[in-house]
């Protein structure tokens, strides 16, 4: 018997690379499917929490409106209803303006601070 014929035929390099590519594609698909399943599971679990937070924000908004109306009603006997409304409006508008200025200054940080921009541009630190 010939020794060459008794050994099983070995796959070629091309066949091995083909199998490797197929296995790699299957692995990447499986990983992507796993990540997708995890994301969908987390989204489903967090959905009710997000709904509860939105409901809480709306209820808190209603409570703040009630508080503002109460402030105006308390001031109304002393200064009149129109002036009481204007005083409460001015106070709320001032607080809102401060919050807007603070929020806008914090949002500017999304673009990075001056030192970060210099580093990205390739300039050296002073």
N, C-alpha and C. Protein backbone atom coordinates (compact mmCIF):
# COMPACT_ATOMS: atom_id res chain seq x y z
N UNK A 1 0.82 -1.19 0.00
CA UNK A 1 0.00 0.00 0.00
C UNK A 1 0.86 1.25 0.00
N UNK A 2 0.43 2.24 -0.72
CA UNK A 2 1.18 3.47 -0.85
C UNK A 2 0.91 4.36 0.37
N UNK A 3 1.95 4.97 0.94
CA UNK A 3 1.81 5.82 2.13
C UNK A 3 1.06 7.11 1.81
N UNK A 4 1.21 7.61 0.61
CA UNK A 4 0.54 8.83 0.23
C UNK A 4 -0.97 8.66 0.18
N UNK A 5 -1.45 7.52 -0.24
CA UNK A 5 -2.89 7.33 -0.39
C UNK A 5 -3.57 7.02 0.93
N UNK A 6 -2.83 6.61 1.96
CA UNK A 6 -3.47 6.28 3.24
C UNK A 6 -3.73 7.52 4.10
N UNK A 7 -3.08 8.64 3.83
CA UNK A 7 -3.31 9.87 4.59
C UNK A 7 -4.52 10.61 4.02
N UNK A 8 -5.33 11.19 4.93
CA UNK A 8 -6.45 11.97 4.40
C UNK A 8 -5.93 13.24 3.71
N UNK A 9 -6.70 13.70 2.77
CA UNK A 9 -6.30 14.88 2.01
C UNK A 9 -6.40 16.13 2.89
N UNK A 10 -5.33 16.91 2.95
CA UNK A 10 -5.31 18.12 3.76
C UNK A 10 -5.88 19.28 2.95
N UNK A 11 -6.59 20.17 3.62
CA UNK A 11 -7.13 21.32 2.89
C UNK A 11 -6.01 22.27 2.48
N UNK A 12 -6.26 22.98 1.42
CA UNK A 12 -5.26 23.92 0.93
C UNK A 12 -5.29 25.20 1.77
N UNK A 13 -4.29 26.03 1.58
CA UNK A 13 -4.20 27.30 2.30
C UNK A 13 -5.41 28.17 1.95
N UNK A 14 -5.79 28.15 0.71
CA UNK A 14 -6.95 28.94 0.28
C UNK A 14 -8.22 28.49 0.99
N UNK A 15 -8.40 27.16 1.11
CA UNK A 15 -9.58 26.64 1.82
C UNK A 15 -9.55 27.07 3.28
N UNK A 16 -8.37 27.01 3.90
CA UNK A 16 -8.25 27.40 5.31
C UNK A 16 -8.56 28.87 5.50
N UNK A 17 -8.05 29.74 4.61
CA UNK A 17 -8.37 31.16 4.70
C UNK A 17 -9.86 31.42 4.44
N UNK A 18 -10.44 30.66 3.54
CA UNK A 18 -11.87 30.79 3.28
C UNK A 18 -12.69 30.44 4.52
N UNK A 19 -12.32 29.35 5.18
CA UNK A 19 -13.01 28.96 6.42
C UNK A 19 -12.81 30.01 7.51
N UNK A 20 -11.58 30.53 7.59
CA UNK A 20 -11.29 31.56 8.58
C UNK A 20 -12.15 32.80 8.34
N UNK A 21 -12.28 33.21 7.09
CA UNK A 21 -13.11 34.37 6.77
C UNK A 21 -14.57 34.11 7.12
N UNK A 22 -15.08 32.92 6.80
CA UNK A 22 -16.46 32.58 7.13
C UNK A 22 -16.67 32.56 8.64
N UNK A 23 -15.72 31.99 9.37
CA UNK A 23 -15.82 31.95 10.83
C UNK A 23 -15.78 33.37 11.41
N UNK A 24 -14.92 34.21 10.86
CA UNK A 24 -14.83 35.59 11.34
C UNK A 24 -16.13 36.35 11.08
N UNK A 25 -16.72 36.15 9.90
CA UNK A 25 -18.01 36.80 9.60
C UNK A 25 -19.09 36.32 10.56
N UNK A 26 -19.12 35.02 10.81
CA UNK A 26 -20.12 34.47 11.73
C UNK A 26 -19.91 35.02 13.14
N UNK A 27 -18.66 35.15 13.56
CA UNK A 27 -18.36 35.68 14.88
C UNK A 27 -18.80 37.13 15.01
N UNK A 28 -18.50 37.93 13.99
CA UNK A 28 -18.89 39.35 14.01
C UNK A 28 -20.41 39.47 14.03
N UNK A 29 -21.10 38.67 13.23
CA UNK A 29 -22.58 38.70 13.24
C UNK A 29 -23.12 38.33 14.61
N UNK A 30 -22.54 37.28 15.21
CA UNK A 30 -23.01 36.84 16.53
C UNK A 30 -22.78 37.93 17.57
N UNK A 31 -21.62 38.57 17.53
CA UNK A 31 -21.34 39.65 18.47
C UNK A 31 -22.30 40.82 18.26
N UNK A 32 -22.56 41.18 17.01
CA UNK A 32 -23.49 42.27 16.72
C UNK A 32 -24.89 41.92 17.20
N UNK A 33 -25.32 40.69 16.96
CA UNK A 33 -26.63 40.26 17.41
C UNK A 33 -26.72 40.28 18.93
N UNK A 34 -25.64 39.88 19.60
CA UNK A 34 -25.63 39.91 21.06
C UNK A 34 -25.72 41.34 21.58
N UNK A 35 -24.95 42.25 20.99
CA UNK A 35 -25.02 43.66 21.40
C UNK A 35 -26.40 44.24 21.16
N UNK A 36 -26.99 43.88 20.03
CA UNK A 36 -28.34 44.36 19.72
C UNK A 36 -29.35 43.83 20.73
N UNK A 37 -29.24 42.56 21.07
CA UNK A 37 -30.16 41.96 22.04
C UNK A 37 -30.00 42.61 23.42
N UNK A 38 -28.76 42.86 23.82
CA UNK A 38 -28.53 43.51 25.11
C UNK A 38 -29.11 44.92 25.12
N UNK A 39 -28.89 45.66 24.03
CA UNK A 39 -29.41 47.03 23.94
C UNK A 39 -30.94 47.05 23.98
N UNK A 40 -31.57 46.14 23.25
CA UNK A 40 -33.03 46.08 23.25
C UNK A 40 -33.57 45.69 24.62
N UNK A 41 -32.89 44.77 25.30
CA UNK A 41 -33.31 44.37 26.64
C UNK A 41 -33.20 45.55 27.61
N UNK A 42 -32.09 46.27 27.54
CA UNK A 42 -31.90 47.41 28.43
C UNK A 42 -32.90 48.52 28.12
N UNK A 43 -33.16 48.73 26.84
CA UNK A 43 -34.14 49.75 26.45
C UNK A 43 -35.52 49.40 26.96
N UNK A 44 -35.89 48.13 26.83
CA UNK A 44 -37.19 47.69 27.33
C UNK A 44 -37.30 47.85 28.83
N UNK A 45 -36.22 47.54 29.55
CA UNK A 45 -36.23 47.66 31.00
C UNK A 45 -36.26 49.12 31.44
N UNK A 46 -35.61 49.99 30.69
CA UNK A 46 -35.54 51.39 31.07
C UNK A 46 -36.74 52.20 30.60
N UNK A 47 -37.52 51.64 29.68
CA UNK A 47 -38.64 52.39 29.11
C UNK A 47 -39.62 52.85 30.19
N UNK A 48 -40.01 51.96 31.09
CA UNK A 48 -40.97 52.32 32.13
C UNK A 48 -40.37 53.37 33.06
N UNK A 49 -39.08 53.28 33.32
CA UNK A 49 -38.43 54.30 34.15
C UNK A 49 -38.44 55.66 33.48
N UNK A 50 -38.20 55.67 32.17
CA UNK A 50 -38.22 56.94 31.43
C UNK A 50 -39.63 57.54 31.42
N UNK A 51 -40.63 56.70 31.27
CA UNK A 51 -42.02 57.18 31.32
C UNK A 51 -42.33 57.77 32.69
N UNK A 52 -41.86 57.10 33.74
CA UNK A 52 -42.09 57.60 35.09
C UNK A 52 -41.40 58.94 35.30
N UNK A 53 -40.18 59.09 34.76
CA UNK A 53 -39.47 60.37 34.90
C UNK A 53 -40.19 61.50 34.17
N UNK A 54 -40.68 61.22 32.98
CA UNK A 54 -41.42 62.25 32.23
C UNK A 54 -42.69 62.64 32.98
N UNK A 55 -43.40 61.66 33.52
CA UNK A 55 -44.61 61.96 34.31
C UNK A 55 -44.25 62.79 35.53
N UNK A 56 -43.14 62.46 36.19
CA UNK A 56 -42.71 63.22 37.36
C UNK A 56 -42.37 64.66 36.98
N UNK A 57 -41.72 64.84 35.85
CA UNK A 57 -41.38 66.20 35.40
C UNK A 57 -42.64 67.00 35.12
N UNK A 58 -43.62 66.38 34.48
CA UNK A 58 -44.87 67.09 34.20
C UNK A 58 -45.62 67.44 35.48
N UNK A 59 -45.63 66.53 36.44
CA UNK A 59 -46.28 66.81 37.72
C UNK A 59 -45.55 67.90 38.48
N UNK A 60 -44.23 67.87 38.44
CA UNK A 60 -43.45 68.91 39.10
C UNK A 60 -43.71 70.27 38.44
N UNK A 61 -43.85 70.29 37.14
CA UNK A 61 -44.18 71.52 36.43
C UNK A 61 -45.53 72.05 36.90
N UNK A 62 -46.51 71.18 37.04
CA UNK A 62 -47.83 71.60 37.52
C UNK A 62 -47.73 72.13 38.95
N UNK A 63 -46.90 71.50 39.78
CA UNK A 63 -46.73 71.97 41.15
C UNK A 63 -46.08 73.35 41.18
N UNK A 64 -45.11 73.57 40.32
CA UNK A 64 -44.47 74.88 40.27
C UNK A 64 -45.43 75.96 39.77
N UNK A 65 -46.27 75.64 38.81
CA UNK A 65 -47.28 76.60 38.34
C UNK A 65 -48.22 76.95 39.48
N UNK A 66 -48.63 75.95 40.24
CA UNK A 66 -49.50 76.20 41.39
C UNK A 66 -48.82 77.11 42.40
N UNK A 67 -47.54 76.86 42.67
CA UNK A 67 -46.79 77.68 43.62
C UNK A 67 -46.69 79.12 43.14
N UNK A 68 -46.43 79.32 41.86
CA UNK A 68 -46.33 80.66 41.31
C UNK A 68 -47.67 81.39 41.42
N UNK A 69 -48.76 80.70 41.13
CA UNK A 69 -50.09 81.31 41.25
C UNK A 69 -50.37 81.67 42.71
N UNK A 70 -49.97 80.79 43.63
CA UNK A 70 -50.18 81.07 45.05
C UNK A 70 -49.39 82.32 45.48
N UNK A 71 -48.14 82.46 45.00
CA UNK A 71 -47.37 83.66 45.32
C UNK A 71 -48.11 84.90 44.82
N UNK A 72 -48.63 84.84 43.62
CA UNK A 72 -49.36 85.98 43.06
C UNK A 72 -50.62 86.28 43.88
N UNK A 73 -51.31 85.23 44.33
CA UNK A 73 -52.52 85.43 45.13
C UNK A 73 -52.20 86.02 46.50
N UNK A 74 -51.07 85.63 47.06
CA UNK A 74 -50.67 86.18 48.37
C UNK A 74 -50.32 87.66 48.22
N UNK A 75 -49.65 88.02 47.14
CA UNK A 75 -49.27 89.42 46.93
C UNK A 75 -50.44 90.30 46.48
N UNK A 76 -51.44 89.71 45.88
CA UNK A 76 -52.54 90.48 45.29
C UNK A 76 -53.23 91.42 46.28
N UNK A 77 -53.56 91.00 47.51
CA UNK A 77 -54.22 91.96 48.42
C UNK A 77 -53.34 93.15 48.79
N UNK A 78 -52.03 92.95 48.80
CA UNK A 78 -51.15 94.04 49.21
C UNK A 78 -50.87 95.03 48.08
N UNK A 79 -50.69 94.53 46.84
CA UNK A 79 -50.28 95.42 45.75
C UNK A 79 -51.25 95.41 44.58
N UNK A 80 -52.22 94.59 44.60
CA UNK A 80 -53.16 94.49 43.50
C UNK A 80 -52.81 93.30 42.61
N UNK A 81 -53.81 92.76 41.90
CA UNK A 81 -53.58 91.53 41.14
C UNK A 81 -52.61 91.70 39.97
N UNK A 82 -52.67 92.83 39.28
CA UNK A 82 -51.81 93.01 38.11
C UNK A 82 -50.36 93.17 38.55
N UNK A 83 -50.12 94.01 39.55
CA UNK A 83 -48.76 94.22 40.03
C UNK A 83 -48.21 92.94 40.66
N UNK A 84 -49.05 92.19 41.35
CA UNK A 84 -48.61 90.93 41.95
C UNK A 84 -48.17 89.97 40.84
N UNK A 85 -48.95 89.88 39.77
CA UNK A 85 -48.58 89.03 38.64
C UNK A 85 -47.27 89.46 38.01
N UNK A 86 -47.07 90.78 37.87
CA UNK A 86 -45.83 91.29 37.30
C UNK A 86 -44.62 91.02 38.21
N UNK A 87 -44.80 91.14 39.52
CA UNK A 87 -43.70 90.87 40.46
C UNK A 87 -43.29 89.41 40.38
N UNK A 88 -44.27 88.51 40.41
CA UNK A 88 -43.98 87.08 40.34
C UNK A 88 -43.35 86.75 38.98
N UNK A 89 -43.88 87.36 37.92
CA UNK A 89 -43.29 87.14 36.59
C UNK A 89 -41.84 87.58 36.55
N UNK A 90 -41.54 88.76 37.09
CA UNK A 90 -40.16 89.27 37.06
C UNK A 90 -39.23 88.35 37.85
N UNK A 91 -39.69 87.87 38.99
CA UNK A 91 -38.86 86.98 39.79
C UNK A 91 -38.58 85.67 39.05
N UNK A 92 -39.62 85.09 38.47
CA UNK A 92 -39.46 83.83 37.73
C UNK A 92 -38.59 84.06 36.48
N UNK A 93 -38.78 85.17 35.80
CA UNK A 93 -37.98 85.47 34.61
C UNK A 93 -36.51 85.65 34.97
N UNK A 94 -36.21 86.30 36.10
CA UNK A 94 -34.83 86.49 36.52
C UNK A 94 -34.17 85.14 36.83
N UNK A 95 -34.88 84.29 37.54
CA UNK A 95 -34.35 82.95 37.84
C UNK A 95 -34.13 82.17 36.55
N UNK A 96 -35.08 82.27 35.63
CA UNK A 96 -34.95 81.57 34.34
C UNK A 96 -33.76 82.09 33.55
N UNK A 97 -33.54 83.39 33.56
CA UNK A 97 -32.41 83.96 32.84
C UNK A 97 -31.09 83.46 33.41
N UNK A 98 -30.98 83.41 34.74
CA UNK A 98 -29.78 82.89 35.37
C UNK A 98 -29.54 81.43 34.99
N UNK A 99 -30.60 80.64 34.98
CA UNK A 99 -30.48 79.23 34.59
C UNK A 99 -30.08 79.08 33.12
N UNK A 100 -30.63 79.92 32.27
CA UNK A 100 -30.27 79.88 30.84
C UNK A 100 -28.81 80.23 30.64
N UNK A 101 -28.34 81.27 31.31
CA UNK A 101 -26.93 81.67 31.18
C UNK A 101 -26.00 80.57 31.70
N UNK A 102 -26.36 79.99 32.83
CA UNK A 102 -25.54 78.91 33.38
C UNK A 102 -25.53 77.71 32.43
N UNK A 103 -26.72 77.31 31.94
CA UNK A 103 -26.81 76.17 31.04
C UNK A 103 -26.06 76.39 29.75
N UNK A 104 -26.15 77.59 29.20
CA UNK A 104 -25.45 77.88 27.94
C UNK A 104 -23.94 77.84 28.15
N UNK A 105 -23.47 78.33 29.30
CA UNK A 105 -22.02 78.30 29.55
C UNK A 105 -21.53 76.86 29.72
N UNK A 106 -22.35 76.00 30.30
CA UNK A 106 -21.96 74.60 30.46
C UNK A 106 -22.01 73.86 29.13
N UNK A 107 -22.93 74.23 28.26
CA UNK A 107 -23.03 73.57 26.96
C UNK A 107 -21.85 73.92 26.07
N UNK A 108 -21.23 75.06 26.30
CA UNK A 108 -20.05 75.44 25.52
C UNK A 108 -18.93 74.43 25.74
N UNK A 109 -18.94 73.76 26.88
CA UNK A 109 -17.90 72.78 27.18
C UNK A 109 -17.96 71.58 26.25
N UNK A 110 -19.08 71.39 25.57
CA UNK A 110 -19.17 70.28 24.61
C UNK A 110 -18.15 70.45 23.48
N UNK A 111 -17.82 71.68 23.17
CA UNK A 111 -16.82 71.95 22.14
C UNK A 111 -15.40 71.91 22.68
N UNK A 112 -15.24 71.67 23.98
CA UNK A 112 -13.93 71.63 24.60
C UNK A 112 -13.53 73.00 25.11
N UNK A 113 -12.67 73.02 26.12
CA UNK A 113 -12.19 74.29 26.63
C UNK A 113 -10.98 74.75 25.81
N UNK A 114 -10.48 75.94 26.13
CA UNK A 114 -9.40 76.54 25.33
C UNK A 114 -8.14 75.68 25.35
N UNK A 115 -7.81 75.15 26.52
CA UNK A 115 -6.61 74.31 26.64
C UNK A 115 -6.73 73.05 25.79
N UNK A 116 -7.90 72.46 25.79
CA UNK A 116 -8.13 71.25 24.99
C UNK A 116 -8.02 71.55 23.50
N UNK A 117 -8.57 72.68 23.07
CA UNK A 117 -8.49 73.04 21.65
C UNK A 117 -7.04 73.26 21.22
N UNK A 118 -6.22 73.85 22.11
CA UNK A 118 -4.81 74.05 21.77
C UNK A 118 -4.09 72.72 21.63
N UNK A 119 -4.40 71.78 22.52
CA UNK A 119 -3.75 70.47 22.45
C UNK A 119 -4.14 69.76 21.17
N UNK A 120 -5.41 69.84 20.82
CA UNK A 120 -5.89 69.19 19.59
C UNK A 120 -5.26 69.84 18.37
N UNK A 121 -5.09 71.16 18.41
CA UNK A 121 -4.50 71.87 17.28
C UNK A 121 -3.00 71.62 17.18
N UNK A 122 -2.40 71.02 18.21
CA UNK A 122 -0.99 70.67 18.14
C UNK A 122 -0.08 71.70 18.79
N UNK A 123 -0.67 72.68 19.43
CA UNK A 123 0.17 73.68 20.10
C UNK A 123 0.65 73.11 21.42
N UNK A 124 1.82 73.58 21.85
CA UNK A 124 2.37 73.14 23.13
C UNK A 124 1.80 73.99 24.25
N UNK A 125 1.76 73.37 25.44
CA UNK A 125 1.30 74.10 26.61
C UNK A 125 2.30 75.18 26.97
N UNK A 126 1.83 76.34 27.42
CA UNK A 126 2.76 77.42 27.81
C UNK A 126 3.51 77.08 29.06
